[in-house]
């Protein structure tokens, strides 16, 4: 996932805020950023913005939150 501008960043934050359960970014090396935790969110989003290799993956652990994030991704690619 690559965020290209502030509008996309704010849309991502809004989608995360609408989720009711854990949403996190994780790298192949095991780095973990809980996006529902304010400090982890800033660290994770900062890492996401600077991630030229696009190695961070976004995960949720609830079906309804997955639907929210999928809607965000649909808007992101539109």
PDB file of N, CA and C in Angstrom:
ATOM      1  N   UNK A   1       0.855  -1.175   0.000  1.00  0.00           N
ATOM      2  CA  UNK A   1       0.000   0.000   0.000  1.00  0.00           C
ATOM      3  C   UNK A   1       0.892   1.226   0.000  1.00  0.00           C
ATOM      4  N   UNK A   2       0.579   2.189  -0.817  1.00  0.00           N
ATOM      5  CA  UNK A   2       1.334   3.433  -0.882  1.00  0.00           C
ATOM      6  C   UNK A   2       0.377   4.606  -0.793  1.00  0.00           C
ATOM      7  N   UNK A   3       0.620   5.488   0.157  1.00  0.00           N
ATOM      8  CA  UNK A   3      -0.156   6.713   0.323  1.00  0.00           C
ATOM      9  C   UNK A   3       0.590   7.803  -0.425  1.00  0.00           C
ATOM     10  N   UNK A   4      -0.114   8.498  -1.326  1.00  0.00           N
ATOM     11  CA  UNK A   4       0.548   9.449  -2.217  1.00  0.00           C
ATOM     12  C   UNK A   4       0.341  10.911  -1.851  1.00  0.00           C
ATOM     13  N   UNK A   5      -0.678  11.220  -1.041  1.00  0.00           N
ATOM     14  CA  UNK A   5      -0.922  12.623  -0.697  1.00  0.00           C
ATOM     15  C   UNK A   5      -1.678  12.709   0.631  1.00  0.00           C
ATOM     16  N   UNK A   6      -1.844  13.942   1.122  1.00  0.00           N
ATOM     17  CA  UNK A   6      -2.485  14.117   2.427  1.00  0.00           C
ATOM     18  C   UNK A   6      -3.953  13.738   2.410  1.00  0.00           C
ATOM     19  N   UNK A   7      -4.616  13.903   1.268  1.00  0.00           N
ATOM     20  CA  UNK A   7      -6.021  13.509   1.175  1.00  0.00           C
ATOM     21  C   UNK A   7      -6.159  12.001   1.408  1.00  0.00           C
ATOM     22  N   UNK A   8      -5.288  11.201   0.812  1.00  0.00           N
ATOM     23  CA  UNK A   8      -5.314   9.751   1.020  1.00  0.00           C
ATOM     24  C   UNK A   8      -4.957   9.403   2.455  1.00  0.00           C
ATOM     25  N   UNK A   9      -4.017  10.139   3.040  1.00  0.00           N
ATOM     26  CA  UNK A   9      -3.636   9.897   4.433  1.00  0.00           C
ATOM     27  C   UNK A   9      -4.818  10.153   5.362  1.00  0.00           C
ATOM     28  N   UNK A  10      -5.532  11.257   5.152  1.00  0.00           N
ATOM     29  CA  UNK A  10      -6.691  11.563   5.996  1.00  0.00           C
ATOM     30  C   UNK A  10      -7.813  10.546   5.791  1.00  0.00           C
ATOM     31  N   UNK A  11      -7.984  10.070   4.565  1.00  0.00           N
ATOM     32  CA  UNK A  11      -8.999   9.044   4.294  1.00  0.00           C
ATOM     33  C   UNK A  11      -8.637   7.746   5.008  1.00  0.00           C
ATOM     34  N   UNK A  12      -7.354   7.398   5.026  1.00  0.00           N
ATOM     35  CA  UNK A  12      -6.914   6.193   5.742  1.00  0.00           C
ATOM     36  C   UNK A  12      -7.170   6.345   7.237  1.00  0.00           C
ATOM     37  N   UNK A  13      -6.808   7.486   7.801  1.00  0.00           N
ATOM     38  CA  UNK A  13      -7.040   7.710   9.230  1.00  0.00           C
ATOM     39  C   UNK A  13      -8.525   7.659   9.567  1.00  0.00           C
ATOM     40  N   UNK A  14      -9.344   8.197   8.706  1.00  0.00           N
ATOM     41  CA  UNK A  14     -10.795   8.156   8.918  1.00  0.00           C
ATOM     42  C   UNK A  14     -11.301   6.712   8.900  1.00  0.00           C
ATOM     43  N   UNK A  15     -10.804   5.915   7.960  1.00  0.00           N
ATOM     44  CA  UNK A  15     -11.206   4.503   7.884  1.00  0.00           C
ATOM     45  C   UNK A  15     -10.774   3.759   9.148  1.00  0.00           C
ATOM     46  N   UNK A  16      -9.561   4.015   9.611  1.00  0.00           N
ATOM     47  CA  UNK A  16      -9.069   3.370  10.836  1.00  0.00           C
ATOM     48  C   UNK A  16      -9.949   3.767  12.021  1.00  0.00           C
ATOM     49  N   UNK A  17     -10.307   5.033  12.104  1.00  0.00           N
ATOM     50  CA  UNK A  17     -11.153   5.510  13.204  1.00  0.00           C
ATOM     51  C   UNK A  17     -12.531   4.860  13.199  1.00  0.00           C
ATOM     52  N   UNK A  18     -13.047   4.512  12.018  1.00  0.00           N
ATOM     53  CA  UNK A  18     -14.353   3.855  11.935  1.00  0.00           C
ATOM     54  C   UNK A  18     -14.297   2.384  12.348  1.00  0.00           C
ATOM     55  N   UNK A  19     -13.113   1.803  12.361  1.00  0.00           N
ATOM     56  CA  UNK A  19     -12.969   0.394  12.759  1.00  0.00           C
ATOM     57  C   UNK A  19     -13.140   0.257  14.262  1.00  0.00           C
ATOM     58  N   UNK A  20     -13.748  -0.842  14.699  1.00  0.00           N
ATOM     59  CA  UNK A  20     -14.015  -1.059  16.121  1.00  0.00           C
ATOM     60  C   UNK A  20     -13.015  -1.987  16.792  1.00  0.00           C
ATOM     61  N   UNK A  21     -12.188  -2.659  16.007  1.00  0.00           N
ATOM     62  CA  UNK A  21     -11.233  -3.626  16.550  1.00  0.00           C
ATOM     63  C   UNK A  21      -9.831  -3.286  16.073  1.00  0.00           C
ATOM     64  N   UNK A  22      -8.900  -4.156  16.362  1.00  0.00           N
ATOM     65  CA  UNK A  22      -7.493  -3.925  16.041  1.00  0.00           C
ATOM     66  C   UNK A  22      -7.261  -3.818  14.524  1.00  0.00           C
ATOM     67  N   UNK A  23      -6.506  -2.794  14.150  1.00  0.00           N
ATOM     68  CA  UNK A  23      -6.036  -2.598  12.779  1.00  0.00           C
ATOM     69  C   UNK A  23      -4.542  -2.353  12.908  1.00  0.00           C
ATOM     70  N   UNK A  24      -3.730  -3.076  12.134  1.00  0.00           N
ATOM     71  CA  UNK A  24      -2.295  -2.908  12.291  1.00  0.00           C
ATOM     72  C   UNK A  24      -1.552  -3.043  10.975  1.00  0.00           C
ATOM     73  N   UNK A  25      -0.348  -2.465  10.983  1.00  0.00           N
ATOM     74  CA  UNK A  25       0.598  -2.631   9.884  1.00  0.00           C
ATOM     75  C   UNK A  25       1.668  -3.592  10.364  1.00  0.00           C
ATOM     76  N   UNK A  26       2.113  -4.456   9.454  1.00  0.00           N
ATOM     77  CA  UNK A  26       3.158  -5.410   9.814  1.00  0.00           C
ATOM     78  C   UNK A  26       4.095  -5.586   8.622  1.00  0.00           C
ATOM     79  N   UNK A  27       5.394  -5.660   8.929  1.00  0.00           N
ATOM     80  CA  UNK A  27       6.385  -5.873   7.878  1.00  0.00           C
ATOM     81  C   UNK A  27       6.775  -7.348   7.835  1.00  0.00           C
ATOM     82  N   UNK A  28       7.447  -7.724   6.770  1.00  0.00           N
ATOM     83  CA  UNK A  28       7.933  -9.101   6.639  1.00  0.00           C
ATOM     84  C   UNK A  28       8.959  -9.417   7.731  1.00  0.00           C
ATOM     85  N   UNK A  29       9.625  -8.379   8.255  1.00  0.00           N
ATOM     86  CA  UNK A  29      10.609  -8.572   9.324  1.00  0.00           C
ATOM     87  C   UNK A  29       9.969  -8.629  10.709  1.00  0.00           C
ATOM     88  N   UNK A  30       8.648  -8.482  10.783  1.00  0.00           N
ATOM     89  CA  UNK A  30       7.946  -8.597  12.049  1.00  0.00           C
ATOM     90  C   UNK A  30       7.682  -7.284  12.770  1.00  0.00           C
ATOM     91  N   UNK A  31       8.004  -6.148  12.149  1.00  0.00           N
ATOM     92  CA  UNK A  31       7.667  -4.869  12.766  1.00  0.00           C
ATOM     93  C   UNK A  31       6.143  -4.760  12.816  1.00  0.00           C
ATOM     94  N   UNK A  32       5.630  -4.266  13.936  1.00  0.00           N
ATOM     95  CA  UNK A  32       4.187  -4.244  14.186  1.00  0.00           C
ATOM     96  C   UNK A  32       3.792  -2.858  14.652  1.00  0.00           C
ATOM     97  N   UNK A  33       2.779  -2.273  14.014  1.00  0.00           N
ATOM     98  CA  UNK A  33       2.272  -0.954  14.391  1.00  0.00           C
ATOM     99  C   UNK A  33       0.761  -1.045  14.571  1.00  0.00           C
ATOM    100  N   UNK A  34       0.294  -0.918  15.826  1.00  0.00           N
ATOM    101  CA  UNK A  34      -1.134  -0.936  16.142  1.00  0.00           C
ATOM    102  C   UNK A  34      -1.720   0.428  15.786  1.00  0.00           C
ATOM    103  N   UNK A  35      -2.506   0.494  14.740  1.00  0.00           N
ATOM    104  CA  UNK A  35      -3.011   1.767  14.251  1.00  0.00           C
ATOM    105  C   UNK A  35      -4.158   2.327  15.088  1.00  0.00           C
ATOM    106  N   UNK A  36      -4.626   1.587  16.072  1.00  0.00           N
ATOM    107  CA  UNK A  36      -5.635   2.095  16.997  1.00  0.00           C
ATOM    108  C   UNK A  36      -4.964   2.761  18.210  1.00  0.00           C
ATOM    109  N   UNK A  37      -3.655   2.588  18.355  1.00  0.00           N
ATOM    110  CA  UNK A  37      -2.863   3.215  19.408  1.00  0.00           C
ATOM    111  C   UNK A  37      -2.237   4.475  18.814  1.00  0.00           C
ATOM    112  N   UNK A  38      -2.431   5.625  19.464  1.00  0.00           N
ATOM    113  CA  UNK A  38      -2.025   6.905  18.884  1.00  0.00           C
ATOM    114  C   UNK A  38      -0.523   6.965  18.567  1.00  0.00           C
ATOM    115  N   UNK A  39       0.316   6.535  19.468  1.00  0.00           N
ATOM    116  CA  UNK A  39       1.766   6.591  19.239  1.00  0.00           C
ATOM    117  C   UNK A  39       2.168   5.634  18.127  1.00  0.00           C
ATOM    118  N   UNK A  40       1.678   4.405  18.185  1.00  0.00           N
ATOM    119  CA  UNK A  40       1.979   3.436  17.124  1.00  0.00           C
ATOM    120  C   UNK A  40       1.449   3.915  15.771  1.00  0.00           C
ATOM    121  N   UNK A  41       0.295   4.585  15.782  1.00  0.00           N
ATOM    122  CA  UNK A  41      -0.285   5.079  14.529  1.00  0.00           C
ATOM    123  C   UNK A  41       0.668   6.062  13.858  1.00  0.00           C
ATOM    124  N   UNK A  42       1.179   7.024  14.617  1.00  0.00           N
ATOM    125  CA  UNK A  42       2.095   8.007  14.031  1.00  0.00           C
ATOM    126  C   UNK A  42       3.379   7.345  13.542  1.00  0.00           C
ATOM    127  N   UNK A  43       3.898   6.411  14.324  1.00  0.00           N
ATOM    128  CA  UNK A  43       5.109   5.699  13.898  1.00  0.00           C
ATOM    129  C   UNK A  43       4.831   4.871  12.648  1.00  0.00           C
ATOM    130  N   UNK A  44       3.719   4.151  12.649  1.00  0.00           N
ATOM    131  CA  UNK A  44       3.379   3.282  11.527  1.00  0.00           C
ATOM    132  C   UNK A  44       3.075   4.059  10.256  1.00  0.00           C
ATOM    133  N   UNK A  45       2.312   5.145  10.384  1.00  0.00           N
ATOM    134  CA  UNK A  45       1.991   5.945   9.206  1.00  0.00           C
ATOM    135  C   UNK A  45       3.237   6.643   8.672  1.00  0.00           C
ATOM    136  N   UNK A  46       4.118   7.071   9.576  1.00  0.00           N
ATOM    137  CA  UNK A  46       5.384   7.652   9.133  1.00  0.00           C
ATOM    138  C   UNK A  46       6.203   6.643   8.356  1.00  0.00           C
ATOM    139  N   UNK A  47       6.242   5.432   8.874  1.00  0.00           N
ATOM    140  CA  UNK A  47       6.962   4.364   8.176  1.00  0.00           C
ATOM    141  C   UNK A  47       6.300   4.047   6.836  1.00  0.00           C
ATOM    142  N   UNK A  48       4.987   4.031   6.816  1.00  0.00           N
ATOM    143  CA  UNK A  48       4.252   3.757   5.579  1.00  0.00           C
ATOM    144  C   UNK A  48       4.546   4.824   4.525  1.00  0.00           C
ATOM    145  N   UNK A  49       4.584   6.077   4.932  1.00  0.00           N
ATOM    146  CA  UNK A  49       4.847   7.166   3.996  1.00  0.00           C
ATOM    147  C   UNK A  49       6.259   7.107   3.423  1.00  0.00           C
ATOM    148  N   UNK A  50       7.199   6.587   4.197  1.00  0.00           N
ATOM    149  CA  UNK A  50       8.584   6.519   3.728  1.00  0.00           C
ATOM    150  C   UNK A  50       8.943   5.150   3.157  1.00  0.00           C
ATOM    151  N   UNK A  51       7.998   4.253   3.079  1.00  0.00           N
ATOM    152  CA  UNK A  51       8.238   2.873   2.656  1.00  0.00           C
ATOM    153  C   UNK A  51       8.278   2.768   1.136  1.00  0.00           C
ATOM    154  N   UNK A  52       9.450   2.999   0.561  1.00  0.00           N
ATOM    155  CA  UNK A  52       9.565   2.955  -0.903  1.00  0.00           C
ATOM    156  C   UNK A  52       9.452   1.532  -1.437  1.00  0.00           C
ATOM    157  N   UNK A  53       9.790   0.539  -0.625  1.00  0.00           N
ATOM    158  CA  UNK A  53       9.684  -0.847  -1.062  1.00  0.00           C
ATOM    159  C   UNK A  53       8.296  -1.431  -0.889  1.00  0.00           C
ATOM    160  N   UNK A  54       7.399  -0.660  -0.284  1.00  0.00           N
ATOM    161  CA  UNK A  54       6.024  -1.091  -0.048  1.00  0.00           C
ATOM    162  C   UNK A  54       5.955  -2.453   0.631  1.00  0.00           C
ATOM    163  N   UNK A  55       6.719  -2.598   1.717  1.00  0.00           N
ATOM    164  CA  UNK A  55       6.768  -3.880   2.393  1.00  0.00           C
ATOM    165  C   UNK A  55       5.815  -4.005   3.578  1.00  0.00           C
ATOM    166  N   UNK A  56       5.135  -2.942   3.948  1.00  0.00           N
ATOM    167  CA  UNK A  56       4.178  -3.008   5.050  1.00  0.00           C
ATOM    168  C   UNK A  56       2.826  -3.495   4.540  1.00  0.00           C
ATOM    169  N   UNK A  57       2.226  -4.401   5.303  1.00  0.00           N
ATOM    170  CA  UNK A  57       0.897  -4.926   4.985  1.00  0.00           C
ATOM    171  C   UNK A  57      -0.074  -4.487   6.076  1.00  0.00           C
ATOM    172  N   UNK A  58      -1.311  -4.230   5.707  1.00  0.00           N
ATOM    173  CA  UNK A  58      -2.335  -3.816   6.649  1.00  0.00           C
ATOM    174  C   UNK A  58      -3.238  -5.000   6.977  1.00  0.00           C
ATOM    175  N   UNK A  59      -3.554  -5.169   8.270  1.00  0.00           N
ATOM    176  CA  UNK A  59      -4.374  -6.284   8.725  1.00  0.00           C
ATOM    177  C   UNK A  59      -5.473  -5.780   9.659  1.00  0.00           C
ATOM    178  N   UNK A  60      -6.564  -6.526   9.697  1.00  0.00           N
ATOM    179  CA  UNK A  60      -7.629  -6.322  10.686  1.00  0.00           C
ATOM    180  C   UNK A  60      -7.957  -7.694  11.272  1.00  0.00           C
ATOM    181  N   UNK A  61      -8.651  -7.707  12.400  1.00  0.00           N
ATOM    182  CA  UNK A  61      -9.031  -9.002  12.974  1.00  0.00           C
ATOM    183  C   UNK A  61     -10.541  -9.152  13.134  1.00  0.00           C
ATOM    184  N   UNK A  62     -11.296  -8.311  12.422  1.00  0.00           N
ATOM    185  CA  UNK A  62     -12.757  -8.412  12.470  1.00  0.00           C
ATOM    186  C   UNK A  62     -13.318  -8.203  11.066  1.00  0.00           C
ATOM    187  N   UNK A  63     -14.287  -8.994  10.722  1.00  0.00           N
ATOM    188  CA  UNK A  63     -14.877  -8.952   9.380  1.00  0.00           C
ATOM    189  C   UNK A  63     -15.431  -7.570   9.037  1.00  0.00           C
ATOM    190  N   UNK A  64     -16.108  -6.925   9.995  1.00  0.00           N
ATOM    191  CA  UNK A  64     -16.687  -5.613   9.711  1.00  0.00           C
ATOM    192  C   UNK A  64     -15.602  -4.553   9.481  1.00  0.00           C
ATOM    193  N   UNK A  65     -14.468  -4.690  10.165  1.00  0.00           N
ATOM    194  CA  UNK A  65     -13.359  -3.763   9.944  1.00  0.00           C
ATOM    195  C   UNK A  65     -12.685  -4.024   8.596  1.00  0.00           C
ATOM    196  N   UNK A  66     -12.623  -5.273   8.208  1.00  0.00           N
ATOM    197  CA  UNK A  66     -12.077  -5.608   6.883  1.00  0.00           C
ATOM    198  C   UNK A  66     -12.920  -4.949   5.799  1.00  0.00           C
ATOM    199  N   UNK A  67     -14.241  -4.948   5.967  1.00  0.00           N
ATOM    200  CA  UNK A  67     -15.127  -4.312   4.991  1.00  0.00           C
ATOM    201  C   UNK A  67     -14.857  -2.811   4.914  1.00  0.00           C
ATOM    202  N   UNK A  68     -14.640  -2.173   6.046  1.00  0.00           N
ATOM    203  CA  UNK A  68     -14.332  -0.741   6.068  1.00  0.00           C
ATOM    204  C   UNK A  68     -13.031  -0.463   5.316  1.00  0.00           C
ATOM    205  N   UNK A  69     -12.016  -1.276   5.582  1.00  0.00           N
ATOM    206  CA  UNK A  69     -10.721  -1.063   4.933  1.00  0.00           C
ATOM    207  C   UNK A  69     -10.787  -1.382   3.440  1.00  0.00           C
ATOM    208  N   UNK A  70     -11.549  -2.384   3.057  1.00  0.00           N
ATOM    209  CA  UNK A  70     -11.702  -2.688   1.630  1.00  0.00           C
ATOM    210  C   UNK A  70     -12.381  -1.531   0.900  1.00  0.00           C
ATOM    211  N   UNK A  71     -13.350  -0.901   1.549  1.00  0.00           N
ATOM    212  CA  UNK A  71     -14.003   0.264   0.958  1.00  0.00           C
ATOM    213  C   UNK A  71     -12.988   1.394   0.774  1.00  0.00           C
ATOM    214  N   UNK A  72     -12.125   1.597   1.768  1.00  0.00           N
ATOM    215  CA  UNK A  72     -11.058   2.605   1.637  1.00  0.00           C
ATOM    216  C   UNK A  72     -10.168   2.276   0.435  1.00  0.00           C
ATOM    217  N   UNK A  73      -9.760   1.019   0.295  1.00  0.00           N
ATOM    218  CA  UNK A  73      -8.880   0.628  -0.819  1.00  0.00           C
ATOM    219  C   UNK A  73      -9.555   0.820  -2.166  1.00  0.00           C
ATOM    220  N   UNK A  74     -10.844   0.547  -2.231  1.00  0.00           N
ATOM    221  CA  UNK A  74     -11.579   0.768  -3.485  1.00  0.00           C
ATOM    222  C   UNK A  74     -11.539   2.255  -3.862  1.00  0.00           C
ATOM    223  N   UNK A  75     -11.701   3.114  -2.882  1.00  0.00           N
ATOM    224  CA  UNK A  75     -11.638   4.564  -3.124  1.00  0.00           C
ATOM    225  C   UNK A  75     -10.217   4.992  -3.489  1.00  0.00           C
ATOM    226  N   UNK A  76      -9.233   4.350  -2.888  1.00  0.00           N
ATOM    227  CA  UNK A  76      -7.835   4.693  -3.138  1.00  0.00           C
ATOM    228  C   UNK A  76      -7.433   4.417  -4.589  1.00  0.00           C
ATOM    229  N   UNK A  77      -7.941   3.336  -5.158  1.00  0.00           N
ATOM    230  CA  UNK A  77      -7.544   2.980  -6.523  1.00  0.00           C
ATOM    231  C   UNK A  77      -8.463   3.584  -7.582  1.00  0.00           C
ATOM    232  N   UNK A  78      -9.559   4.201  -7.151  1.00  0.00           N
ATOM    233  CA  UNK A  78     -10.522   4.778  -8.114  1.00  0.00           C
ATOM    234  C   UNK A  78      -9.983   6.034  -8.761  1.00  0.00           C
TER     235      UNK A  78
END
